Amino acid sequence: MLAHDRPRAEAAFTAALAAPARKWWYKDYGSALRDQLAIVVLLKESGLLPDRLTALTAVLPGTDLRPDALSTQESAWAIAAAAALGKDGQPARIQLDGRALPAAASVTATLTGPATVHNLGDRAVWQSVSVTGVLADAPPAARSGMRITRKFLHEDGTPIDLDTLRQNTSFVLLLEGRAEDGQEHHALIAQGLPAGWEIVGRFNEGEVPGMAWLDKLTATEAQPAADDRYAAVVALGSDAAGFRVAVRLRAVTPGAFELPGAQVSDMYRPAVFARQATARIKVLSAE
């Protein structure tokens, strides 16, 4: 349409609308939902095929959409679609707990408890609720399409008892896991550190000199230099679905601390993940 070729633009939209099915995920970070949202944006901006746009928006956002499972691409295009569709929206007239709010295309109100909302207009309006806060309890262990395990070991490879760990002791954290769906993933591995631990050094891929018991470690695409967690990015696929990474840690502060669970997730598809439960550990004073 921007090239002033209306027939070809309409033909392109018609072809895209005629074949909505696609592989649910591909290397372009796309999905059927992402494509649907993108077509909504482009149809609205072009002004073409208004009847098709009405039919397409009528089925949004889809019956199986889960906000916590949206990819980054789906989230971005959802926001773009909302902005495009609401650009010329009619003012909504909303009453909150008996009080009429100022009419606007988008009406926002802060809730501090239960509330009663009425639509005073003659057209349907979309309703959305956003909640922010800090979890009272840590998330429980869970997984979907991935798994992760961890071991805490002395530097000779023998298991270490975290309840008898003493200040200034160095040890190794070994993280292992895999993707179970046979697809390609850019996976983020993360292990939060208790307040009494610190990272001493990170290991490179392959065999570690003097630590044959570690076996071959997986190549990482990145190991961010964070001081409150160990993190690594690895590429997983059908030919290399598993990973094995390690880091050297040291107990530095005596006390009792919470140990976060290890977790791995696809960086672009949060619904593909594995997460362990939290635990408690001790650091004893140095003798």
Protein backbone atom coordinates (compact mmCIF):
# COMPACT_ATOMS: atom_id res chain seq x y z
CA MET A 1 0.00 0.00 0.00
CA LEU A 2 2.86 2.38 0.76
CA ALA A 3 4.07 1.76 -2.79
CA HIS A 4 0.62 2.77 -4.12
CA ASP A 5 0.00 -0.72 -5.50
CA ARG A 6 -3.41 -1.50 -3.99
CA PRO A 7 -4.15 -4.67 -6.00
CA ARG A 8 -0.91 -6.35 -4.95
CA ALA A 9 -1.33 -5.23 -1.35
CA GLU A 10 -4.83 -6.70 -1.20
CA ALA A 11 -3.58 -9.91 -2.83
CA ALA A 12 -0.82 -10.21 -0.22
CA PHE A 13 -3.26 -9.70 2.66
CA THR A 14 -5.73 -12.18 1.15
CA ALA A 15 -3.01 -14.81 0.79
CA ALA A 16 -1.86 -14.31 4.39
CA LEU A 17 -5.42 -14.52 5.72
CA ALA A 18 -6.12 -17.65 3.70
CA ALA A 19 -3.25 -19.59 5.32
CA PRO A 20 -3.19 -18.71 9.04
CA ALA A 21 -1.77 -22.06 10.13
CA ARG A 22 1.97 -22.36 10.50
CA LYS A 23 4.54 -24.17 12.57
CA TRP A 24 3.76 -22.97 16.08
CA TRP A 25 7.28 -21.68 16.49
CA TYR A 26 10.11 -20.95 14.07
CA LYS A 27 13.52 -19.30 13.96
CA ASP A 28 11.97 -15.92 13.21
CA TYR A 29 10.54 -15.99 16.78
CA GLY A 30 7.08 -16.02 15.21
CA SER A 31 3.88 -17.95 15.81
CA ALA A 32 0.34 -18.06 14.44
CA LEU A 33 -0.73 -15.55 17.10
CA ARG A 34 2.17 -13.21 16.28
CA ASP A 35 1.22 -13.33 12.58
CA GLN A 36 -2.44 -12.66 13.37
CA LEU A 37 -1.58 -9.62 15.48
CA ALA A 38 0.85 -8.29 12.86
CA ILE A 39 -1.78 -8.58 10.11
CA VAL A 40 -4.24 -6.67 12.31
CA VAL A 41 -1.72 -3.83 12.65
CA LEU A 42 -0.90 -3.73 8.94
CA LEU A 43 -4.55 -3.94 7.85
CA LYS A 44 -5.52 -1.13 10.19
CA GLU A 45 -2.67 1.11 9.07
CA SER A 46 -3.28 0.44 5.37
CA GLY A 47 -7.04 0.89 5.46
CA LEU A 48 -7.49 -2.12 3.17
CA LEU A 49 -10.06 -4.91 3.50
CA PRO A 50 -12.02 -3.39 6.41
CA ASP A 51 -14.43 -6.33 6.51
CA ARG A 52 -11.57 -8.78 6.94
CA LEU A 53 -10.11 -6.60 9.70
CA THR A 54 -13.42 -6.66 11.58
CA ALA A 55 -13.59 -10.45 11.36
CA LEU A 56 -9.96 -10.83 12.44
CA THR A 57 -10.25 -8.57 15.48
CA ALA A 58 -13.46 -10.33 16.53
CA VAL A 59 -11.51 -13.49 17.38
CA LEU A 60 -8.70 -11.75 19.25
CA PRO A 61 -6.97 -12.53 21.53
CA GLY A 62 -7.82 -16.22 21.05
CA THR A 63 -9.26 -18.78 23.43
CA ASP A 64 -5.94 -20.43 24.31
CA LEU A 65 -3.92 -17.26 24.96
CA ARG A 66 -2.08 -17.19 28.29
CA PRO A 67 -0.40 -13.88 29.20
CA ASP A 68 2.33 -15.67 31.16
CA ALA A 69 3.18 -17.79 28.11
CA LEU A 70 3.46 -15.01 25.51
CA SER A 71 6.73 -14.75 23.63
CA THR A 72 8.48 -11.41 23.33
CA GLN A 73 7.30 -11.12 19.71
CA GLU A 74 3.68 -11.87 20.64
CA SER A 75 3.75 -9.34 23.47
CA ALA A 76 5.22 -6.62 21.25
CA TRP A 77 2.72 -7.16 18.44
CA ALA A 78 -0.17 -7.34 20.92
CA ILE A 79 0.77 -3.88 22.20
CA ALA A 80 1.14 -2.60 18.64
CA ALA A 81 -2.29 -4.02 17.73
CA ALA A 82 -3.92 -2.43 20.77
CA ALA A 83 -2.38 0.93 19.89
CA ALA A 84 -3.46 0.72 16.24
CA LEU A 85 -7.02 -0.37 17.02
CA GLY A 86 -7.46 2.18 19.80
CA LYS A 87 -6.06 5.12 17.86
CA ASP A 88 -9.49 6.26 16.65
CA GLY A 89 -11.57 4.55 19.34
CA GLN A 90 -14.73 6.11 20.68
CA PRO A 91 -14.64 7.49 24.24
CA ALA A 92 -15.74 4.96 26.84
CA ARG A 93 -18.05 6.07 29.66
CA ILE A 94 -17.35 4.08 32.79
CA GLN A 95 -18.81 4.25 36.28
CA LEU A 96 -16.69 3.04 39.19
CA ASP A 97 -18.44 2.44 42.52
CA GLY A 98 -21.24 4.84 41.51
CA ARG A 99 -18.88 7.58 40.34
CA ALA A 100 -18.59 8.43 36.64
CA LEU A 101 -15.01 8.58 35.40
CA PRO A 102 -13.90 11.09 32.72
CA ALA A 103 -14.81 9.74 29.28
CA ALA A 104 -11.81 8.69 27.20
CA ALA A 105 -10.75 6.10 24.63
CA SER A 106 -8.77 4.42 27.41
CA VAL A 107 -9.95 4.77 31.01
CA THR A 108 -7.57 3.87 33.84
CA ALA A 109 -8.37 3.60 37.54
CA THR A 110 -6.38 2.39 40.55
CA LEU A 111 -8.14 -0.19 42.71
CA THR A 112 -7.34 -0.71 46.38
CA GLY A 113 -9.98 -3.37 47.00
CA PRO A 114 -13.20 -4.85 45.56
CA ALA A 115 -15.01 -2.51 43.19
CA THR A 116 -18.14 -2.37 41.02
CA VAL A 117 -17.76 -1.19 37.43
CA HIS A 118 -20.55 -0.31 34.98
CA ASN A 119 -20.38 0.53 31.31
CA LEU A 120 -22.58 3.62 30.81
CA GLY A 121 -22.20 3.58 27.03
CA ASP A 122 -24.07 1.63 24.38
CA ARG A 123 -20.97 -0.15 23.01
CA ALA A 124 -18.95 -2.99 24.48
CA VAL A 125 -15.59 -2.09 26.02
CA TRP A 126 -12.50 -4.17 26.67
CA GLN A 127 -11.58 -4.78 30.29
CA SER A 128 -8.05 -5.48 31.53
CA VAL A 129 -6.64 -5.86 35.03
CA SER A 130 -2.97 -5.43 35.92
CA VAL A 131 -1.58 -6.57 39.27
CA THR A 132 1.85 -5.71 40.67
CA GLY A 133 3.48 -6.80 43.88
CA VAL A 134 6.05 -9.02 45.56
CA LEU A 135 5.28 -12.72 45.98
CA ALA A 136 4.64 -13.75 49.58
CA ASP A 137 6.03 -17.21 48.86
CA ALA A 138 8.62 -18.42 46.36
CA PRO A 139 7.19 -20.16 43.26
CA PRO A 140 7.01 -23.95 43.62
CA ALA A 141 9.00 -26.37 41.51
CA ALA A 142 7.54 -26.82 38.04
CA ARG A 143 8.55 -27.63 34.49
CA SER A 144 7.19 -27.70 30.96
CA GLY A 145 9.30 -29.05 28.11
CA MET A 146 12.59 -28.81 30.03
CA ARG A 147 14.28 -30.25 33.11
CA ILE A 148 17.19 -29.16 35.31
CA THR A 149 19.20 -30.73 38.15
CA ARG A 150 22.07 -29.45 40.27
CA LYS A 151 24.87 -30.83 42.44
CA PHE A 152 27.08 -29.11 45.00
CA LEU A 153 30.50 -30.75 45.11
CA HIS A 154 33.89 -30.44 46.77
CA GLU A 155 36.70 -29.64 44.35
CA ASP A 156 37.60 -33.34 44.27
CA GLY A 157 34.12 -34.21 43.02
CA THR A 158 32.66 -35.60 46.26
CA PRO A 159 29.23 -34.34 47.42
CA ILE A 160 29.16 -31.48 49.92
CA ASP A 161 26.72 -31.10 52.83
CA LEU A 162 25.34 -27.58 52.63
CA ASP A 163 24.34 -27.65 56.31
CA THR A 164 27.97 -28.13 57.41
CA LEU A 165 29.49 -25.66 54.94
CA ARG A 166 32.09 -23.46 56.61
CA GLN A 167 33.14 -19.90 55.87
CA ASN A 168 35.93 -19.56 53.26
CA THR A 169 35.17 -22.99 51.76
CA SER A 170 35.32 -23.15 47.95
CA PHE A 171 33.15 -25.64 46.12
CA VAL A 172 31.59 -26.33 42.72
CA LEU A 173 28.02 -26.04 41.50
CA LEU A 174 27.22 -28.38 38.60
CA LEU A 175 24.03 -27.70 36.62
CA GLU A 176 22.67 -30.22 34.14
CA GLY A 177 19.46 -30.33 32.13
CA ARG A 178 17.87 -30.72 28.76
CA ALA A 179 15.04 -29.67 26.46
CA GLU A 180 12.49 -32.41 25.96
CA ASP A 181 10.43 -31.13 23.03
CA GLY A 182 13.00 -31.72 20.26
CA GLN A 183 12.98 -28.04 19.22
CA GLU A 184 15.68 -25.40 19.13
CA HIS A 185 16.03 -23.09 22.11
CA HIS A 186 18.12 -20.17 23.27
CA ALA A 187 18.06 -21.20 26.90
CA LEU A 188 18.90 -19.06 29.93
CA ILE A 189 20.22 -21.02 32.91
CA ALA A 190 20.15 -19.22 36.24
CA GLN A 191 21.00 -20.06 39.82
CA GLY A 192 20.44 -17.32 42.38
CA LEU A 193 23.06 -17.11 45.12
CA PRO A 194 22.32 -17.05 48.85
CA ALA A 195 23.52 -13.86 50.53
CA GLY A 196 26.39 -15.78 52.14
CA TRP A 197 27.92 -17.07 48.87
CA GLU A 198 29.96 -15.51 46.09
CA ILE A 199 31.22 -16.57 42.67
CA VAL A 200 34.93 -17.32 42.54
CA GLY A 201 35.32 -18.29 38.88
CA ARG A 202 33.50 -19.58 35.83
CA PHE A 203 34.57 -22.60 33.78
CA ASN A 204 34.97 -22.68 30.01
CA GLU A 205 33.59 -25.39 27.74
CA GLY A 206 35.20 -28.79 27.45
CA GLU A 207 37.28 -30.56 30.08
CA VAL A 208 38.55 -28.65 33.10
CA PRO A 209 42.23 -29.34 33.95
CA GLY A 210 42.51 -31.24 37.23
CA MET A 211 38.76 -31.88 37.37
CA ALA A 212 38.15 -34.86 35.11
CA TRP A 213 35.08 -35.69 37.20
CA LEU A 214 33.32 -32.68 35.70
CA ASP A 215 33.42 -34.37 32.28
CA LYS A 216 32.95 -32.11 29.24
CA LEU A 217 31.14 -28.84 29.88
CA THR A 218 28.78 -27.30 27.35
CA ALA A 219 29.76 -24.27 25.28
CA THR A 220 27.94 -21.13 26.43
CA GLU A 221 27.02 -18.13 24.33
CA ALA A 222 27.29 -15.84 27.36
CA GLN A 223 28.00 -15.94 31.09
CA PRO A 224 26.97 -12.53 32.48
CA ALA A 225 29.20 -11.17 35.26
CA ALA A 226 26.41 -10.87 37.83
CA ASP A 227 27.31 -11.10 41.51
CA ASP A 228 23.91 -12.21 42.84
CA ARG A 229 23.45 -15.21 40.56
CA TYR A 230 25.16 -17.52 38.15
CA ALA A 231 23.72 -17.25 34.66
CA ALA A 232 24.59 -18.77 31.30
CA VAL A 233 23.04 -18.81 27.84
CA VAL A 234 23.25 -22.03 25.84
CA ALA A 235 21.89 -23.12 22.45
CA LEU A 236 19.85 -26.32 22.57
CA GLY A 237 18.55 -28.30 19.60
CA SER A 238 17.60 -31.76 18.40
CA ASP A 239 21.30 -32.62 17.95
CA ALA A 240 22.35 -31.19 21.34
CA ALA A 241 19.35 -31.12 23.63
CA GLY A 242 21.28 -31.27 26.91
CA PHE A 243 23.62 -28.95 28.78
CA ARG A 244 26.24 -29.28 31.51
CA VAL A 245 27.70 -26.11 33.05
CA ALA A 246 29.59 -25.43 36.28
CA VAL A 247 30.83 -22.56 38.41
CA ARG A 248 33.17 -22.31 41.40
CA LEU A 249 31.59 -20.74 44.50
CA ARG A 250 32.77 -19.78 47.98
CA ALA A 251 30.97 -19.40 51.31
CA VAL A 252 31.86 -15.97 52.71
CA THR A 253 29.33 -14.97 55.38
CA PRO A 254 28.19 -17.10 58.34
CA GLY A 255 24.44 -17.45 58.85
CA ALA A 256 21.28 -19.14 57.58
CA PHE A 257 20.14 -18.18 54.09
CA GLU A 258 17.54 -19.02 51.47
CA LEU A 259 18.86 -20.92 48.44
CA PRO A 260 16.81 -20.14 45.31
CA GLY A 261 15.97 -22.99 42.99
CA ALA A 262 17.92 -23.41 39.77
CA GLN A 263 15.97 -22.65 36.63
CA VAL A 264 16.25 -22.87 32.86
CA SER A 265 13.91 -21.30 30.33
CA ASP A 266 13.70 -20.42 26.68
CA MET A 267 14.67 -16.76 26.48
CA TYR A 268 11.85 -16.00 24.02
CA ARG A 269 9.18 -18.53 25.09
CA PRO A 270 8.66 -18.34 28.85
CA ALA A 271 6.20 -21.25 28.76
CA VAL A 272 9.10 -23.64 28.05
CA PHE A 273 10.98 -23.88 31.34
CA ALA A 274 12.03 -25.86 34.39
CA ARG A 275 12.27 -24.47 37.91
CA GLN A 276 13.33 -25.99 41.24
CA ALA A 277 11.90 -25.15 44.64
CA THR A 278 13.78 -22.99 47.15
CA ALA A 279 15.69 -24.43 50.12
CA ARG A 280 17.56 -23.27 53.21
CA ILE A 281 21.32 -23.50 53.77
CA LYS A 282 23.79 -22.65 56.52
CA VAL A 283 27.26 -21.19 56.51
CA LEU A 284 29.20 -21.98 59.68
CA SER A 285 31.98 -19.80 61.06
CA ALA A 286 35.50 -20.74 60.02
CA GLU A 287 37.30 -22.86 62.59
